[in-house]
């Protein structure tokens, strides 16, 4: 009996190897390892094989009945065999692993399916003013202290302080802004200071002795520092259920150190676009706006993440281009072809402009999943294409919000990158309680 089992095993192994090296086998093995679906969506797994061979394959949910028509009631998907292959229908949110088997028991391929609930949001396009205070004070340069004899000294630099360091505390006292730091340093006179510093993911203590500056008659440690950033951007979406918002589509970096800014506190407010500086090859354009603290937009900045800034608004949001929430479209649903962006080019009026999605990279996780081209004649005449301040402008395709504008091609402002909603939503902070809603 064992002898026959050995022969059977060898025969099955040979069949498996022949299948793997055949064109049909390579087709099966090239099926994706992972797939995402939205509840209600249906997809077909096409097994393009001769009829006689096709009957020897089955797709199963492991641990359930061998029949594809008997998927369990609690499974997130159902499987139906048809002439082309197998139709997968997403029934409810969840995860499941499908197995493609030969002769009903030889596994050839596993496909992890994730099903997601449909989500609806109010698309953005609103111009916003961003005021962000960093958690700690960032070192952005070195300023020499010039002694009476003309010698230049750099007290902090000479003790190892580096550009990009975050000064969190001095002598155990937290510093929140440039004024705090200057006052503590000046009050120290010539006594040693202990600077508590964050350098990337490490925390350090650096001893520094301040030096008297004859010109100002104040004690200094020879640093240029910054405690936050201010700028104009675009809101991507607002969730009417939680009052969460996302904007910008990319992290806010310090202009000098090119490092992400840890948020201590921040807020967004309404902004009105006053002037457009058109972009040219090699020279990006810019929206120039003014903040309006009494406008319709007001909210907190709770996170400066890889795919944008996030927080909650204190007022209800609306968009005259979309009176009702629109469905979110995910990366696997995005296609090349025509689309639109919502953005502001004058005052506070949100307008829609035509673009073309030229390339789609669903597998990319770096925020550059789409290559887009501005095709709208009016937008091209005003801006030359994508400009600073346009980051975060929502991209609409097939009546779904599928992502946002993120970066411009420096030498070709008509082109740029877009980020998928998948990435934007993946960075959205989770909270157990909703923000207090204004009456």
Protein backbone atom coordinates (compact mmCIF):
# COMPACT_ATOMS: atom_id res chain seq x y z
CA UNK A 1 0.00 0.00 0.00
CA UNK A 2 2.82 2.41 0.92
CA UNK A 3 4.44 1.62 -2.42
CA UNK A 4 1.30 2.69 -4.30
CA UNK A 5 1.05 5.87 -2.22
CA UNK A 6 4.61 6.74 -3.21
CA UNK A 7 3.80 6.24 -6.90
CA UNK A 8 0.65 8.30 -6.60
CA UNK A 9 2.59 11.07 -4.87
CA UNK A 10 5.21 11.08 -7.62
CA UNK A 11 2.55 11.21 -10.33
CA UNK A 12 0.74 14.09 -8.63
CA UNK A 13 4.04 15.95 -8.20
CA UNK A 14 4.86 15.51 -11.88
CA UNK A 15 1.40 16.76 -12.88
CA UNK A 16 1.87 19.75 -10.60
CA UNK A 17 5.31 20.57 -12.08
CA UNK A 18 4.05 20.21 -15.64
CA UNK A 19 1.14 22.49 -14.80
CA UNK A 20 3.44 25.11 -13.24
CA UNK A 21 5.66 25.26 -16.33
CA UNK A 22 2.75 25.33 -18.79
CA UNK A 23 1.25 28.60 -20.05
CA UNK A 24 -2.03 27.72 -18.33
CA UNK A 25 -0.21 27.01 -15.07
CA UNK A 26 1.67 30.29 -15.22
CA UNK A 27 -1.66 32.05 -15.81
CA UNK A 28 -3.12 30.53 -12.66
CA UNK A 29 -0.03 31.27 -10.57
CA UNK A 30 -0.03 34.88 -11.81
CA UNK A 31 -3.40 35.53 -10.18
CA UNK A 32 -3.05 38.21 -7.44
CA UNK A 33 -2.16 37.13 -3.90
CA UNK A 34 -4.39 39.84 -2.42
CA UNK A 35 -7.55 41.55 -3.55
CA UNK A 36 -9.85 44.20 -2.08
CA UNK A 37 -13.57 44.55 -2.70
CA UNK A 38 -16.35 46.83 -1.53
CA UNK A 39 -19.54 45.25 -0.20
CA UNK A 40 -21.94 44.85 -3.12
CA UNK A 41 -19.10 44.60 -5.65
CA UNK A 42 -18.74 41.55 -7.91
CA UNK A 43 -15.55 40.38 -9.61
CA UNK A 44 -14.82 37.44 -11.87
CA UNK A 45 -11.72 35.28 -11.57
CA UNK A 46 -11.21 34.18 -15.15
CA UNK A 47 -9.61 30.74 -15.45
CA UNK A 48 -8.78 30.66 -19.15
CA UNK A 49 -8.24 26.94 -19.64
CA UNK A 50 -9.55 24.28 -22.03
CA UNK A 51 -13.00 23.01 -21.01
CA UNK A 52 -11.76 19.54 -20.02
CA UNK A 53 -9.00 20.96 -17.84
CA UNK A 54 -11.14 23.74 -16.36
CA UNK A 55 -13.45 21.17 -14.73
CA UNK A 56 -10.51 19.87 -12.68
CA UNK A 57 -10.12 23.15 -10.81
CA UNK A 58 -12.15 24.54 -7.91
CA UNK A 59 -12.04 27.67 -5.78
CA UNK A 60 -12.87 26.98 -2.16
CA UNK A 61 -13.03 28.71 1.18
CA UNK A 62 -10.87 26.46 3.40
CA UNK A 63 -12.76 24.63 6.13
CA UNK A 64 -16.11 24.79 4.37
CA UNK A 65 -18.03 22.56 2.04
CA UNK A 66 -16.22 21.45 -1.12
CA UNK A 67 -19.05 22.89 -3.23
CA UNK A 68 -18.60 26.46 -4.40
CA UNK A 69 -22.37 26.83 -4.18
CA UNK A 70 -22.33 26.18 -0.45
CA UNK A 71 -20.30 29.05 0.98
CA UNK A 72 -21.10 29.50 4.67
CA UNK A 73 -23.63 32.12 5.68
CA UNK A 74 -21.09 34.01 7.79
CA UNK A 75 -18.45 34.25 5.04
CA UNK A 76 -17.77 37.78 3.77
CA UNK A 77 -17.94 36.58 0.15
CA UNK A 78 -19.93 34.15 -1.95
CA UNK A 79 -18.47 32.14 -4.83
CA UNK A 80 -20.42 31.20 -7.95
CA UNK A 81 -19.10 29.16 -10.86
CA UNK A 82 -19.92 30.43 -14.35
CA UNK A 83 -18.77 29.96 -17.96
CA UNK A 84 -15.76 32.28 -17.56
CA UNK A 85 -14.56 31.05 -14.19
CA UNK A 86 -15.76 32.10 -10.74
CA UNK A 87 -17.74 35.15 -9.67
CA UNK A 88 -16.82 36.53 -6.25
CA UNK A 89 -19.48 38.69 -4.57
CA UNK A 90 -18.65 40.80 -1.50
CA UNK A 91 -21.42 40.29 1.07
CA UNK A 92 -20.15 42.03 4.21
CA UNK A 93 -16.93 43.51 5.64
CA UNK A 94 -14.28 40.97 6.54
CA UNK A 95 -11.31 38.93 5.41
CA UNK A 96 -11.17 35.47 3.87
CA UNK A 97 -8.64 33.33 2.08
CA UNK A 98 -9.70 31.57 -1.11
CA UNK A 99 -7.85 28.51 -2.39
CA UNK A 100 -7.64 27.33 -5.97
CA UNK A 101 -7.32 23.53 -5.95
CA UNK A 102 -6.61 20.87 -8.53
CA UNK A 103 -8.81 17.76 -8.39
CA UNK A 104 -10.49 19.20 -5.32
CA UNK A 105 -7.61 18.70 -2.90
CA UNK A 106 -4.24 19.81 -4.39
CA UNK A 107 -3.75 23.52 -3.45
CA UNK A 108 -2.27 25.62 -6.26
CA UNK A 109 -2.95 29.22 -5.29
CA UNK A 110 -4.24 31.22 -2.31
CA UNK A 111 -5.93 34.60 -2.68
CA UNK A 112 -6.53 36.81 0.38
CA UNK A 113 -9.77 38.77 -0.05
CA UNK A 114 -10.55 41.84 2.06
CA UNK A 115 -14.09 43.21 1.83
CA UNK A 116 -14.86 46.73 3.00
CA UNK A 117 -18.07 48.52 3.86
CA UNK A 118 -19.09 51.31 1.48
CA UNK A 119 -18.08 54.72 2.79
CA UNK A 120 -19.51 58.12 1.90
CA UNK A 121 -17.98 61.54 2.57
CA UNK A 122 -18.41 65.16 1.57
CA UNK A 123 -15.71 65.94 -1.02
CA UNK A 124 -13.45 68.88 -0.27
CA UNK A 125 -11.85 71.44 -2.54
CA UNK A 126 -12.12 74.17 0.11
CA UNK A 127 -9.10 76.42 0.49
CA UNK A 128 -7.76 76.28 4.05
CA UNK A 129 -5.20 78.13 6.11
CA UNK A 130 -2.93 75.78 8.08
CA UNK A 131 -1.38 76.88 11.37
CA UNK A 132 0.76 74.14 12.90
CA UNK A 133 2.83 74.32 16.07
CA UNK A 134 5.47 71.65 16.46
CA UNK A 135 5.98 69.44 19.49
CA UNK A 136 9.30 70.92 20.49
CA UNK A 137 11.37 73.62 18.81
CA UNK A 138 13.18 72.62 15.64
CA UNK A 139 16.77 73.62 15.04
CA UNK A 140 16.96 74.98 11.47
CA UNK A 141 20.40 76.65 11.47
CA UNK A 142 23.36 77.99 13.45
CA UNK A 143 23.85 81.67 14.34
CA UNK A 144 27.29 82.61 15.71
CA UNK A 145 27.64 84.53 18.94
CA UNK A 146 30.21 87.26 18.18
CA UNK A 147 32.37 88.16 21.17
CA UNK A 148 33.81 91.62 21.83
CA UNK A 149 37.15 90.60 20.31
CA UNK A 150 35.39 89.52 17.10
CA UNK A 151 35.64 85.76 17.68
CA UNK A 152 32.63 83.72 16.58
CA UNK A 153 31.45 80.87 18.80
CA UNK A 154 28.68 78.31 18.37
CA UNK A 155 27.84 77.06 21.89
CA UNK A 156 25.14 74.53 20.95
CA UNK A 157 26.71 73.30 17.70
CA UNK A 158 30.07 72.71 19.38
CA UNK A 159 28.37 70.47 21.96
CA UNK A 160 26.78 68.30 19.28
CA UNK A 161 23.40 69.90 18.55
CA UNK A 162 22.44 69.23 14.91
CA UNK A 163 20.10 70.78 12.35
CA UNK A 164 16.77 68.96 12.54
CA UNK A 165 16.99 68.32 16.29
CA UNK A 166 13.89 69.05 18.33
CA UNK A 167 14.51 70.86 21.63
CA UNK A 168 11.81 69.56 23.98
CA UNK A 169 12.95 70.95 27.34
CA UNK A 170 15.74 72.97 28.99
CA UNK A 171 16.78 72.11 32.55
CA UNK A 172 13.66 69.97 32.82
CA UNK A 173 11.37 72.84 31.83
CA UNK A 174 9.24 72.25 28.75
CA UNK A 175 9.67 74.76 25.94
CA UNK A 176 6.72 75.34 23.62
CA UNK A 177 7.90 78.24 21.48
CA UNK A 178 10.89 80.39 20.61
CA UNK A 179 10.10 82.89 23.39
CA UNK A 180 10.21 80.16 26.06
CA UNK A 181 13.64 79.05 24.87
CA UNK A 182 15.07 82.58 24.67
CA UNK A 183 13.87 83.48 28.18
CA UNK A 184 15.25 80.34 29.82
CA UNK A 185 18.62 80.68 28.05
CA UNK A 186 19.01 84.36 28.98
CA UNK A 187 18.06 83.73 32.60
CA UNK A 188 20.71 81.02 32.91
CA UNK A 189 23.55 83.52 32.53
CA UNK A 190 26.71 81.45 32.27
CA UNK A 191 25.50 78.35 34.11
CA UNK A 192 25.28 75.05 32.26
CA UNK A 193 22.04 74.23 30.49
CA UNK A 194 20.75 70.72 29.86
CA UNK A 195 18.92 70.50 26.54
CA UNK A 196 16.51 67.60 26.19
CA UNK A 197 16.57 66.78 22.48
CA UNK A 198 14.73 64.43 20.14
CA UNK A 199 16.83 63.35 17.14
CA UNK A 200 14.71 61.23 14.82
CA UNK A 201 13.67 58.37 17.15
CA UNK A 202 16.30 58.96 19.83
CA UNK A 203 16.18 61.16 22.93
CA UNK A 204 19.39 62.87 24.09
CA UNK A 205 20.56 65.23 26.82
CA UNK A 206 23.11 67.81 25.65
CA UNK A 207 24.95 70.16 28.08
CA UNK A 208 25.45 73.69 26.72
CA UNK A 209 26.84 76.92 28.22
CA UNK A 210 25.21 80.08 26.90
CA UNK A 211 27.44 82.97 25.83
CA UNK A 212 26.79 86.68 26.27
CA UNK A 213 26.12 88.51 23.00
CA UNK A 214 27.65 92.02 23.31
CA UNK A 215 25.33 93.39 20.63
CA UNK A 216 22.05 92.39 22.30
CA UNK A 217 23.35 92.07 25.86
CA UNK A 218 21.51 88.75 26.11
CA UNK A 219 22.79 85.22 26.59
CA UNK A 220 22.49 82.98 23.52
CA UNK A 221 23.35 79.44 22.45
CA UNK A 222 23.79 80.21 18.74
CA UNK A 223 20.78 78.61 17.08
CA UNK A 224 18.15 79.48 14.52
CA UNK A 225 14.94 77.74 15.58
CA UNK A 226 11.34 77.46 14.43
CA UNK A 227 8.28 76.34 16.38
CA UNK A 228 5.75 75.82 13.59
CA UNK A 229 4.60 76.48 10.03
CA UNK A 230 1.88 78.49 8.35
CA UNK A 231 0.56 77.93 4.85
CA UNK A 232 -2.35 77.45 2.45
CA UNK A 233 -3.67 74.07 1.30
CA UNK A 234 -6.82 72.27 0.19
CA UNK A 235 -9.30 70.14 2.11
CA UNK A 236 -9.74 66.62 0.68
CA UNK A 237 -12.90 65.40 2.41
CA UNK A 238 -15.12 65.77 5.46
CA UNK A 239 -16.94 62.89 7.16
CA UNK A 240 -20.48 63.97 8.16
CA UNK A 241 -20.76 61.13 10.69
CA UNK A 242 -17.60 61.80 12.71
CA UNK A 243 -16.73 65.37 11.61
CA UNK A 244 -13.22 64.09 10.76
CA UNK A 245 -11.44 65.72 7.85
CA UNK A 246 -8.32 65.05 5.80
CA UNK A 247 -6.33 67.61 3.81
CA UNK A 248 -3.15 68.14 1.75
CA UNK A 249 -2.55 64.49 0.78
CA UNK A 250 1.05 64.54 2.06
CA UNK A 251 3.00 65.24 5.23
CA UNK A 252 3.99 68.81 6.16
CA UNK A 253 7.78 69.09 6.13
CA UNK A 254 9.92 71.80 7.67
CA UNK A 255 11.17 73.96 4.79
CA UNK A 256 14.81 73.94 5.96
CA UNK A 257 15.34 70.49 7.46
CA UNK A 258 12.89 68.57 5.21
CA UNK A 259 11.73 66.61 8.24
CA UNK A 260 8.14 65.89 9.21
CA UNK A 261 6.74 68.07 11.98
CA UNK A 262 5.38 66.45 15.15
CA UNK A 263 2.13 68.18 16.09
CA UNK A 264 1.82 69.90 19.46
CA UNK A 265 -1.27 71.78 18.42
CA UNK A 266 -2.66 73.32 15.29
CA UNK A 267 -5.76 74.46 13.52
CA UNK A 268 -7.27 74.99 10.10
CA UNK A 269 -9.30 78.06 9.14
CA UNK A 270 -10.95 79.41 6.03
CA UNK A 271 -8.65 80.92 3.43
CA UNK A 272 -9.42 83.17 0.49
CA UNK A 273 -7.24 82.93 -2.63
CA UNK A 274 -6.20 86.43 -3.69
CA UNK A 275 -3.56 85.79 -6.34
CA UNK A 276 -2.34 82.93 -8.49
CA UNK A 277 1.34 82.65 -9.34
CA UNK A 278 1.37 80.43 -12.44
CA UNK A 279 3.79 77.52 -12.63
CA UNK A 280 6.49 77.12 -15.25
CA UNK A 281 8.89 74.25 -16.03
CA UNK A 282 11.48 74.23 -13.26
CA UNK A 283 9.60 76.83 -11.21
CA UNK A 284 6.45 75.69 -9.38
CA UNK A 285 3.49 78.05 -9.11
CA UNK A 286 1.63 79.00 -5.97
CA UNK A 287 -1.73 80.00 -4.55
CA UNK A 288 -1.45 83.15 -2.45
CA UNK A 289 -4.25 83.56 0.07
CA UNK A 290 -5.29 85.28 3.28
CA UNK A 291 -6.69 83.59 6.38
CA UNK A 292 -10.21 84.29 7.56
CA UNK A 293 -10.68 83.33 11.21
CA UNK A 294 -14.36 84.24 10.99
CA UNK A 295 -15.01 81.99 7.96
CA UNK A 296 -17.04 78.79 7.70
CA UNK A 297 -14.07 76.47 8.26
CA UNK A 298 -12.55 75.90 11.67
CA UNK A 299 -10.98 72.76 13.05
CA UNK A 300 -8.13 71.15 14.94
CA UNK A 301 -5.01 69.54 13.51
CA UNK A 302 -4.53 66.30 15.44
CA UNK A 303 -2.06 64.52 13.16
CA UNK A 304 0.53 65.38 10.54
CA UNK A 305 0.75 62.01 8.84
CA UNK A 306 2.46 60.55 5.80
CA UNK A 307 -0.66 61.08 3.68
CA UNK A 308 -1.90 64.44 4.94
CA UNK A 309 -3.11 66.34 7.96
CA UNK A 310 -6.08 65.12 9.97
CA UNK A 311 -8.40 66.47 12.63
CA UNK A 312 -11.97 67.43 13.42
CA UNK A 313 -13.95 70.48 12.44
CA UNK A 314 -15.94 72.57 14.89
CA UNK A 315 -18.51 73.52 12.28
CA UNK A 316 -20.56 71.52 9.79
CA UNK A 317 -19.09 71.44 6.29
CA UNK A 318 -20.76 71.55 2.89
CA UNK A 319 -19.82 71.66 -0.78
CA UNK A 320 -22.12 73.26 -3.34
CA UNK A 321 -20.72 70.94 -6.03
CA UNK A 322 -21.95 67.92 -4.09
CA UNK A 323 -25.06 68.43 -1.98
CA UNK A 324 -24.93 64.85 -0.71
CA UNK A 325 -22.07 62.62 0.46
CA UNK A 326 -20.37 60.72 -2.37
CA UNK A 327 -19.07 57.17 -2.32
CA UNK A 328 -15.38 56.51 -1.78
CA UNK A 329 -13.63 54.74 -4.65
CA UNK A 330 -10.65 52.56 -3.79
CA UNK A 331 -7.42 51.88 -5.69
CA UNK A 332 -8.68 48.73 -7.40
CA UNK A 333 -11.63 50.71 -8.79
CA UNK A 334 -9.56 53.54 -10.30
CA UNK A 335 -9.04 53.46 -14.07
CA UNK A 336 -7.14 55.52 -16.60
CA UNK A 337 -9.23 58.14 -18.35
CA UNK A 338 -11.18 61.30 -17.64
CA UNK A 339 -11.68 62.64 -14.11
CA UNK A 340 -12.16 65.95 -12.29
CA UNK A 341 -10.57 67.83 -9.42
CA UNK A 342 -12.26 70.28 -7.04
CA UNK A 343 -10.21 73.30 -6.00
CA UNK A 344 -10.31 77.09 -5.46
CA UNK A 345 -8.55 79.55 -7.78
CA UNK A 346 -10.37 82.73 -6.77
CA UNK A 347 -11.73 83.78 -3.40
CA UNK A 348 -13.49 80.89 -1.69
CA UNK A 349 -15.48 79.47 -4.63
CA UNK A 350 -14.88 75.75 -5.21
CA UNK A 351 -14.78 74.88 -8.91
CA UNK A 352 -14.40 71.64 -10.86
CA UNK A 353 -11.73 71.20 -13.51
CA UNK A 354 -11.09 68.36 -15.94
CA UNK A 355 -8.00 66.14 -15.71
CA UNK A 356 -6.83 62.90 -17.26
CA UNK A 357 -5.59 59.95 -15.20
CA UNK A 358 -2.77 58.67 -17.39
CA UNK A 359 -1.33 55.89 -15.25
CA UNK A 360 -2.58 53.88 -12.29
CA UNK A 361 -0.35 51.93 -9.89
CA UNK A 362 -2.75 50.20 -7.43
CA UNK A 363 0.11 48.44 -5.64
CA UNK A 364 1.96 51.65 -4.72
CA UNK A 365 1.81 52.66 -1.06
CA UNK A 366 3.90 55.84 -1.28
CA UNK A 367 1.14 58.34 -2.05
CA UNK A 368 1.99 58.44 -5.78
CA UNK A 369 -0.46 55.89 -7.13
CA UNK A 370 -1.77 57.98 -10.02
CA UNK A 371 -0.11 60.07 -12.71
CA UNK A 372 -2.51 62.86 -13.62
CA UNK A 373 -2.54 65.53 -16.29
CA UNK A 374 -4.44 68.81 -16.14
CA UNK A 375 -6.48 69.15 -19.34
CA UNK A 376 -8.88 71.95 -18.41
CA UNK A 377 -8.09 74.98 -20.63
CA UNK A 378 -9.18 77.53 -18.03
CA UNK A 379 -7.12 76.00 -15.22
CA UNK A 380 -4.09 75.78 -17.50
CA UNK A 381 -4.43 79.44 -18.45
CA UNK A 382 -4.69 80.49 -14.78
CA UNK A 383 -2.14 78.22 -13.10
CA UNK A 384 -0.13 76.47 -15.79
CA UNK A 385 -1.17 73.17 -14.21
CA UNK A 386 -0.64 71.95 -10.64
CA UNK A 387 0.67 74.54 -8.18
CA UNK A 388 1.49 74.80 -4.48
CA UNK A 389 -1.67 75.13 -2.40
CA UNK A 390 -3.51 72.71 -4.69
CA UNK A 391 -2.30 69.67 -2.70
CA UNK A 392 -5.28 67.87 -1.23
CA UNK A 393 -7.70 68.81 -4.02
CA UNK A 394 -10.05 65.81 -4.32
CA UNK A 395 -10.07 63.72 -7.50
CA UNK A 396 -13.53 62.60 -8.66
CA UNK A 397 -14.09 59.78 -11.14
CA UNK A 398 -17.35 57.99 -11.98
CA UNK A 399 -19.10 60.07 -9.27
CA UNK A 400 -16.72 58.70 -6.60
CA UNK A 401 -13.95 60.41 -4.66
CA UNK A 402 -10.90 58.31 -5.49
CA UNK A 403 -8.02 60.38 -4.12
CA UNK A 404 -6.32 63.74 -4.05
CA UNK A 405 -3.66 65.79 -5.83
CA UNK A 406 -0.29 65.55 -4.07
CA UNK A 407 2.78 66.55 -6.10
CA UNK A 408 3.63 68.41 -9.29
CA UNK A 409 6.25 67.33 -11.81
CA UNK A 410 8.83 70.09 -11.40
CA UNK A 411 9.75 70.24 -15.09
CA UNK A 412 6.21 69.70 -16.35
CA UNK A 413 3.58 71.45 -14.15
CA UNK A 414 0.77 70.12 -16.32
CA UNK A 415 1.50 66.68 -14.81
CA UNK A 416 1.59 65.49 -11.23
CA UNK A 417 0.82 62.67 -8.83
CA UNK A 418 -2.37 61.71 -7.07
CA UNK A 419 -2.82 59.64 -3.91
CA UNK A 420 -5.49 56.95 -3.51
CA UNK A 421 -8.22 57.27 -0.89
CA UNK A 422 -6.99 53.92 0.47
CA UNK A 423 -3.81 55.57 1.75
CA UNK A 424 -5.54 58.71 3.02
CA UNK A 425 -8.08 56.67 5.01
CA UNK A 426 -5.39 54.29 6.32
CA UNK A 427 -3.74 57.19 8.18
CA UNK A 428 -6.98 58.60 9.58
CA UNK A 429 -6.76 58.75 13.40
CA UNK A 430 -9.29 56.57 15.20
CA UNK A 431 -11.16 58.05 18.12
CA UNK A 432 -13.74 56.63 20.49
CA UNK A 433 -15.69 59.81 20.76
CA UNK A 434 -16.89 62.36 18.27
CA UNK A 435 -15.95 65.99 18.54
CA UNK A 436 -18.49 68.25 20.14
CA UNK A 437 -20.72 69.50 17.37
CA UNK A 438 -21.68 73.14 17.12
CA UNK A 439 -25.34 73.83 17.33
